[in-house]
Amino acid sequence: MLLKHKATIKFDPSNIRHREAVHSFMKRRAWVDSPVQFSKDLAYSSIAEQVQTKLLQWYIDQEISKQTAQL
C-alpha cells in the first residue's frame, strides 16, 4: 500500500471551505480526515496556531469594516 500525500494549500480565512475545515478540526481535534490540508507558514509553530491567528485577524478586519461603513 502506497501512502498518499495530499497537496497542501495556503489557508485563506475568507474562503468558507477553509473556515468549515477549521470548524471540523475544532470539533474533532484532528486534521486527518479534513478535505483540505493547509501548508504551514514558517512564522507559526503549528497549523492550528496559524489558522487561529489568521481567522481572528480576518474577523476583526470584518468587524472594523462594518463599523467604518456605518460612519
PDB file of N, CA and C in Angstrom:
ATOM      1  N   MET A   1       0.834  -1.176   0.000  1.00  0.00           N
ATOM      2  CA  MET A   1       0.000   0.000   0.000  1.00  0.00           C
ATOM      3  C   MET A   1       0.883   1.245   0.000  1.00  0.00           C
ATOM      4  N   LEU A   2       0.632   2.135  -0.926  1.00  0.00           N
ATOM      5  CA  LEU A   2       1.385   3.373  -1.008  1.00  0.00           C
ATOM      6  C   LEU A   2       0.694   4.459  -0.190  1.00  0.00           C
ATOM      7  N   LEU A   3       1.502   5.240   0.474  1.00  0.00           N
ATOM      8  CA  LEU A   3       0.952   6.360   1.215  1.00  0.00           C
ATOM      9  C   LEU A   3       0.655   7.500   0.254  1.00  0.00           C
ATOM     10  N   LYS A   4      -0.506   8.070   0.394  1.00  0.00           N
ATOM     11  CA  LYS A   4      -0.878   9.197  -0.450  1.00  0.00           C
ATOM     12  C   LYS A   4      -0.488  10.485   0.264  1.00  0.00           C
ATOM     13  N   HIS A   5       0.082  11.394  -0.479  1.00  0.00           N
ATOM     14  CA  HIS A   5       0.431  12.701   0.071  1.00  0.00           C
ATOM     15  C   HIS A   5      -0.543  13.713  -0.512  1.00  0.00           C
ATOM     16  N   LYS A   6      -1.379  14.282   0.339  1.00  0.00           N
ATOM     17  CA  LYS A   6      -2.321  15.299  -0.106  1.00  0.00           C
ATOM     18  C   LYS A   6      -1.568  16.581  -0.419  1.00  0.00           C
ATOM     19  N   ALA A   7      -1.986  17.246  -1.457  1.00  0.00           N
ATOM     20  CA  ALA A   7      -1.416  18.550  -1.766  1.00  0.00           C
ATOM     21  C   ALA A   7      -1.855  19.538  -0.693  1.00  0.00           C
ATOM     22  N   THR A   8      -0.963  20.413  -0.317  1.00  0.00           N
ATOM     23  CA  THR A   8      -1.304  21.417   0.681  1.00  0.00           C
ATOM     24  C   THR A   8      -1.622  22.739  -0.004  1.00  0.00           C
ATOM     25  N   ILE A   9      -2.464  23.513   0.654  1.00  0.00           N
ATOM     26  CA  ILE A   9      -2.843  24.820   0.128  1.00  0.00           C
ATOM     27  C   ILE A   9      -2.687  25.868   1.218  1.00  0.00           C
ATOM     28  N   LYS A  10      -2.544  27.106   0.787  1.00  0.00           N
ATOM     29  CA  LYS A  10      -2.405  28.211   1.738  1.00  0.00           C
ATOM     30  C   LYS A  10      -3.768  28.501   2.355  1.00  0.00           C
ATOM     31  N   PHE A  11      -3.807  28.633   3.674  1.00  0.00           N
ATOM     32  CA  PHE A  11      -5.047  28.919   4.370  1.00  0.00           C
ATOM     33  C   PHE A  11      -5.536  30.315   4.014  1.00  0.00           C
ATOM     34  N   ASP A  12      -6.809  30.406   3.651  1.00  0.00           N
ATOM     35  CA  ASP A  12      -7.442  31.677   3.303  1.00  0.00           C
ATOM     36  C   ASP A  12      -8.693  31.832   4.162  1.00  0.00           C
ATOM     37  N   PRO A  13      -8.649  32.681   5.186  1.00  0.00           N
ATOM     38  CA  PRO A  13      -9.792  32.805   6.087  1.00  0.00           C
ATOM     39  C   PRO A  13     -11.062  33.325   5.404  1.00  0.00           C
ATOM     40  N   SER A  14     -10.933  33.956   4.250  1.00  0.00           N
ATOM     41  CA  SER A  14     -12.126  34.438   3.551  1.00  0.00           C
ATOM     42  C   SER A  14     -12.838  33.325   2.779  1.00  0.00           C
ATOM     43  N   ASN A  15     -12.192  32.169   2.663  1.00  0.00           N
ATOM     44  CA  ASN A  15     -12.763  31.029   1.948  1.00  0.00           C
ATOM     45  C   ASN A  15     -13.616  30.196   2.909  1.00  0.00           C
ATOM     46  N   ILE A  16     -14.894  30.113   2.629  1.00  0.00           N
ATOM     47  CA  ILE A  16     -15.811  29.401   3.537  1.00  0.00           C
ATOM     48  C   ILE A  16     -15.422  27.930   3.707  1.00  0.00           C
ATOM     49  N   ARG A  17     -14.920  27.286   2.665  1.00  0.00           N
ATOM     50  CA  ARG A  17     -14.497  25.877   2.795  1.00  0.00           C
ATOM     51  C   ARG A  17     -13.330  25.747   3.770  1.00  0.00           C
ATOM     52  N   HIS A  18     -12.452  26.724   3.784  1.00  0.00           N
ATOM     53  CA  HIS A  18     -11.334  26.695   4.721  1.00  0.00           C
ATOM     54  C   HIS A  18     -11.833  26.891   6.152  1.00  0.00           C
ATOM     55  N   ARG A  19     -12.785  27.809   6.330  1.00  0.00           N
ATOM     56  CA  ARG A  19     -13.348  28.016   7.669  1.00  0.00           C
ATOM     57  C   ARG A  19     -14.105  26.776   8.129  1.00  0.00           C
ATOM     58  N   GLU A  20     -14.809  26.105   7.221  1.00  0.00           N
ATOM     59  CA  GLU A  20     -15.514  24.861   7.572  1.00  0.00           C
ATOM     60  C   GLU A  20     -14.523  23.784   8.005  1.00  0.00           C
ATOM     61  N   ALA A  21     -13.385  23.703   7.328  1.00  0.00           N
ATOM     62  CA  ALA A  21     -12.359  22.712   7.700  1.00  0.00           C
ATOM     63  C   ALA A  21     -11.832  22.995   9.101  1.00  0.00           C
ATOM     64  N   VAL A  22     -11.634  24.267   9.422  1.00  0.00           N
ATOM     65  CA  VAL A  22     -11.167  24.633  10.764  1.00  0.00           C
ATOM     66  C   VAL A  22     -12.246  24.307  11.792  1.00  0.00           C
ATOM     67  N   HIS A  23     -13.495  24.564  11.468  1.00  0.00           N
ATOM     68  CA  HIS A  23     -14.594  24.245  12.386  1.00  0.00           C
ATOM     69  C   HIS A  23     -14.620  22.748  12.683  1.00  0.00           C
ATOM     70  N   SER A  24     -14.460  21.937  11.648  1.00  0.00           N
ATOM     71  CA  SER A  24     -14.419  20.483  11.842  1.00  0.00           C
ATOM     72  C   SER A  24     -13.234  20.086  12.715  1.00  0.00           C
ATOM     73  N   PHE A  25     -12.090  20.710  12.484  1.00  0.00           N
ATOM     74  CA  PHE A  25     -10.912  20.426  13.310  1.00  0.00           C
ATOM     75  C   PHE A  25     -11.182  20.745  14.778  1.00  0.00           C
ATOM     76  N   MET A  26     -11.850  21.860  15.017  1.00  0.00           N
ATOM     77  CA  MET A  26     -12.124  22.264  16.398  1.00  0.00           C
ATOM     78  C   MET A  26     -13.039  21.263  17.097  1.00  0.00           C
ATOM     79  N   LYS A  27     -13.958  20.660  16.353  1.00  0.00           N
ATOM     80  CA  LYS A  27     -14.844  19.656  16.957  1.00  0.00           C
ATOM     81  C   LYS A  27     -14.121  18.334  17.191  1.00  0.00           C
ATOM     82  N   ARG A  28     -13.298  17.904  16.228  1.00  0.00           N
ATOM     83  CA  ARG A  28     -12.653  16.588  16.295  1.00  0.00           C
ATOM     84  C   ARG A  28     -11.242  16.603  16.857  1.00  0.00           C
ATOM     85  N   ARG A  29     -10.603  17.791  16.838  1.00  0.00           N
ATOM     86  CA  ARG A  29      -9.202  17.943  17.267  1.00  0.00           C
ATOM     87  C   ARG A  29      -8.255  17.116  16.405  1.00  0.00           C
ATOM     88  N   ALA A  30      -8.560  17.007  15.103  1.00  0.00           N
ATOM     89  CA  ALA A  30      -7.693  16.263  14.196  1.00  0.00           C
ATOM     90  C   ALA A  30      -7.885  16.769  12.768  1.00  0.00           C
ATOM     91  N   TRP A  31      -6.789  16.785  12.026  1.00  0.00           N
ATOM     92  CA  TRP A  31      -6.848  17.179  10.619  1.00  0.00           C
ATOM     93  C   TRP A  31      -6.922  15.954   9.700  1.00  0.00           C
ATOM     94  N   VAL A  32      -6.801  14.777  10.244  1.00  0.00           N
ATOM     95  CA  VAL A  32      -6.639  13.550   9.467  1.00  0.00           C
ATOM     96  C   VAL A  32      -7.640  13.406   8.323  1.00  0.00           C
ATOM     97  N   ASP A  33      -8.911  13.612   8.590  1.00  0.00           N
ATOM     98  CA  ASP A  33      -9.910  13.396   7.537  1.00  0.00           C
ATOM     99  C   ASP A  33     -10.427  14.708   6.938  1.00  0.00           C
ATOM    100  N   SER A  34      -9.649  15.774   7.083  1.00  0.00           N
ATOM    101  CA  SER A  34     -10.034  17.064   6.524  1.00  0.00           C
ATOM    102  C   SER A  34      -9.984  16.999   4.990  1.00  0.00           C
ATOM    103  N   PRO A  35     -10.968  17.590   4.315  1.00  0.00           N
ATOM    104  CA  PRO A  35     -10.965  17.584   2.848  1.00  0.00           C
ATOM    105  C   PRO A  35      -9.855  18.461   2.265  1.00  0.00           C
ATOM    106  N   VAL A  36      -9.317  19.370   3.054  1.00  0.00           N
ATOM    107  CA  VAL A  36      -8.199  20.204   2.617  1.00  0.00           C
ATOM    108  C   VAL A  36      -7.070  20.086   3.628  1.00  0.00           C
ATOM    109  N   GLN A  37      -5.864  20.245   3.147  1.00  0.00           N
ATOM    110  CA  GLN A  37      -4.711  20.193   4.038  1.00  0.00           C
ATOM    111  C   GLN A  37      -3.926  21.487   3.825  1.00  0.00           C
ATOM    112  N   PHE A  38      -3.754  22.228   4.901  1.00  0.00           N
ATOM    113  CA  PHE A  38      -3.112  23.525   4.806  1.00  0.00           C
ATOM    114  C   PHE A  38      -1.603  23.420   4.962  1.00  0.00           C
ATOM    115  N   SER A  39      -0.906  24.272   4.215  1.00  0.00           N
ATOM    116  CA  SER A  39       0.539  24.378   4.395  1.00  0.00           C
ATOM    117  C   SER A  39       0.783  25.273   5.607  1.00  0.00           C
ATOM    118  N   LYS A  40       1.917  25.089   6.249  1.00  0.00           N
ATOM    119  CA  LYS A  40       2.224  25.856   7.456  1.00  0.00           C
ATOM    120  C   LYS A  40       3.222  26.950   7.122  1.00  0.00           C
ATOM    121  N   ASP A  41       2.864  28.189   7.468  1.00  0.00           N
ATOM    122  CA  ASP A  41       3.793  29.302   7.335  1.00  0.00           C
ATOM    123  C   ASP A  41       4.868  29.161   8.403  1.00  0.00           C
ATOM    124  N   LEU A  42       6.088  29.519   8.060  1.00  0.00           N
ATOM    125  CA  LEU A  42       7.207  29.374   8.993  1.00  0.00           C
ATOM    126  C   LEU A  42       7.075  30.261  10.228  1.00  0.00           C
ATOM    127  N   ALA A  43       6.261  31.298  10.151  1.00  0.00           N
ATOM    128  CA  ALA A  43       6.101  32.215  11.287  1.00  0.00           C
ATOM    129  C   ALA A  43       5.303  31.603  12.432  1.00  0.00           C
ATOM    130  N   TYR A  44       4.688  30.457  12.213  1.00  0.00           N
ATOM    131  CA  TYR A  44       3.821  29.835  13.222  1.00  0.00           C
ATOM    132  C   TYR A  44       4.397  28.490  13.644  1.00  0.00           C
ATOM    133  N   SER A  45       4.097  28.103  14.886  1.00  0.00           N
ATOM    134  CA  SER A  45       4.618  26.828  15.388  1.00  0.00           C
ATOM    135  C   SER A  45       3.755  25.640  14.979  1.00  0.00           C
ATOM    136  N   SER A  46       2.498  25.916  14.598  1.00  0.00           N
ATOM    137  CA  SER A  46       1.607  24.828  14.174  1.00  0.00           C
ATOM    138  C   SER A  46       0.542  25.380  13.237  1.00  0.00           C
ATOM    139  N   ILE A  47      -0.098  24.490  12.527  1.00  0.00           N
ATOM    140  CA  ILE A  47      -1.189  24.901  11.645  1.00  0.00           C
ATOM    141  C   ILE A  47      -2.359  25.413  12.478  1.00  0.00           C
ATOM    142  N   ALA A  48      -2.615  24.791  13.609  1.00  0.00           N
ATOM    143  CA  ALA A  48      -3.705  25.252  14.481  1.00  0.00           C
ATOM    144  C   ALA A  48      -3.468  26.694  14.923  1.00  0.00           C
ATOM    145  N   GLU A  49      -2.250  27.022  15.328  1.00  0.00           N
ATOM    146  CA  GLU A  49      -1.929  28.399  15.730  1.00  0.00           C
ATOM    147  C   GLU A  49      -2.090  29.343  14.541  1.00  0.00           C
ATOM    148  N   GLN A  50      -1.628  28.901  13.405  1.00  0.00           N
ATOM    149  CA  GLN A  50      -1.693  29.725  12.199  1.00  0.00           C
ATOM    150  C   GLN A  50      -3.136  30.069  11.833  1.00  0.00           C
ATOM    151  N   VAL A  51      -4.004  29.065  11.742  1.00  0.00           N
ATOM    152  CA  VAL A  51      -5.383  29.342  11.335  1.00  0.00           C
ATOM    153  C   VAL A  51      -6.117  30.143  12.403  1.00  0.00           C
ATOM    154  N   GLN A  52      -5.833  29.892  13.667  1.00  0.00           N
ATOM    155  CA  GLN A  52      -6.472  30.653  14.736  1.00  0.00           C
ATOM    156  C   GLN A  52      -6.097  32.132  14.628  1.00  0.00           C
ATOM    157  N   THR A  53      -4.829  32.416  14.449  1.00  0.00           N
ATOM    158  CA  THR A  53      -4.358  33.793  14.357  1.00  0.00           C
ATOM    159  C   THR A  53      -4.929  34.486  13.118  1.00  0.00           C
ATOM    160  N   LYS A  54      -4.881  33.802  11.980  1.00  0.00           N
ATOM    161  CA  LYS A  54      -5.377  34.405  10.743  1.00  0.00           C
ATOM    162  C   LYS A  54      -6.891  34.594  10.767  1.00  0.00           C
ATOM    163  N   LEU A  55      -7.606  33.643  11.353  1.00  0.00           N
ATOM    164  CA  LEU A  55      -9.061  33.799  11.471  1.00  0.00           C
ATOM    165  C   LEU A  55      -9.415  34.957  12.385  1.00  0.00           C
ATOM    166  N   LEU A  56      -8.743  35.076  13.500  1.00  0.00           N
ATOM    167  CA  LEU A  56      -9.007  36.174  14.424  1.00  0.00           C
ATOM    168  C   LEU A  56      -8.783  37.511  13.731  1.00  0.00           C
ATOM    169  N   GLN A  57      -7.674  37.648  13.014  1.00  0.00           N
ATOM    170  CA  GLN A  57      -7.392  38.897  12.312  1.00  0.00           C
ATOM    171  C   GLN A  57      -8.451  39.164  11.245  1.00  0.00           C
ATOM    172  N   TRP A  58      -8.871  38.134  10.528  1.00  0.00           N
ATOM    173  CA  TRP A  58      -9.892  38.290   9.483  1.00  0.00           C
ATOM    174  C   TRP A  58     -11.219  38.753  10.083  1.00  0.00           C
ATOM    175  N   TYR A  59     -11.644  38.138  11.187  1.00  0.00           N
ATOM    176  CA  TYR A  59     -12.898  38.538  11.829  1.00  0.00           C
ATOM    177  C   TYR A  59     -12.817  39.965  12.386  1.00  0.00           C
ATOM    178  N   ILE A  60     -11.684  40.326  12.944  1.00  0.00           N
ATOM    179  CA  ILE A  60     -11.514  41.698  13.430  1.00  0.00           C
ATOM    180  C   ILE A  60     -11.588  42.682  12.267  1.00  0.00           C
ATOM    181  N   ASP A  61     -10.914  42.369  11.172  1.00  0.00           N
ATOM    182  CA  ASP A  61     -10.964  43.228   9.988  1.00  0.00           C
ATOM    183  C   ASP A  61     -12.393  43.380   9.475  1.00  0.00           C
ATOM    184  N   GLN A  62     -13.160  42.285   9.490  1.00  0.00           N
ATOM    185  CA  GLN A  62     -14.570  42.339   9.058  1.00  0.00           C
ATOM    186  C   GLN A  62     -15.374  43.271   9.948  1.00  0.00           C
ATOM    187  N   GLU A  63     -15.171  43.171  11.245  1.00  0.00           N
ATOM    188  CA  GLU A  63     -15.892  43.998  12.208  1.00  0.00           C
ATOM    189  C   GLU A  63     -15.543  45.467  12.032  1.00  0.00           C
ATOM    190  N   ILE A  64     -14.273  45.755  11.857  1.00  0.00           N
ATOM    191  CA  ILE A  64     -13.834  47.141  11.661  1.00  0.00           C
ATOM    192  C   ILE A  64     -14.408  47.707  10.366  1.00  0.00           C
ATOM    193  N   SER A  65     -14.432  46.892   9.318  1.00  0.00           N
ATOM    194  CA  SER A  65     -15.003  47.330   8.042  1.00  0.00           C
ATOM    195  C   SER A  65     -16.478  47.696   8.189  1.00  0.00           C
ATOM    196  N   LYS A  66     -17.218  46.888   8.941  1.00  0.00           N
ATOM    197  CA  LYS A  66     -18.634  47.168   9.173  1.00  0.00           C
ATOM    198  C   LYS A  66     -18.818  48.478   9.927  1.00  0.00           C
ATOM    199  N   GLN A  67     -17.993  48.690  10.947  1.00  0.00           N
ATOM    200  CA  GLN A  67     -18.090  49.912  11.741  1.00  0.00           C
ATOM    201  C   GLN A  67     -17.728  51.138  10.902  1.00  0.00           C
ATOM    202  N   THR A  68     -16.715  51.017  10.073  1.00  0.00           N
ATOM    203  CA  THR A  68     -16.301  52.124   9.216  1.00  0.00           C
ATOM    204  C   THR A  68     -17.380  52.452   8.194  1.00  0.00           C
ATOM    205  N   ALA A  69     -18.044  51.446   7.663  1.00  0.00           N
ATOM    206  CA  ALA A  69     -19.100  51.658   6.670  1.00  0.00           C
ATOM    207  C   ALA A  69     -20.302  52.376   7.279  1.00  0.00           C
ATOM    208  N   GLN A  70     -20.511  52.220   8.577  1.00  0.00           N
ATOM    209  CA  GLN A  70     -21.656  52.844   9.248  1.00  0.00           C
ATOM    210  C   GLN A  70     -21.409  54.316   9.558  1.00  0.00           C
ATOM    211  N   LEU A  71     -20.180  54.764   9.478  1.00  0.00           N
ATOM    212  CA  LEU A  71     -19.876  56.169   9.801  1.00  0.00           C
ATOM    213  C   LEU A  71     -20.283  57.114   8.704  1.00  0.00           C
TER     214      LEU A  71
END
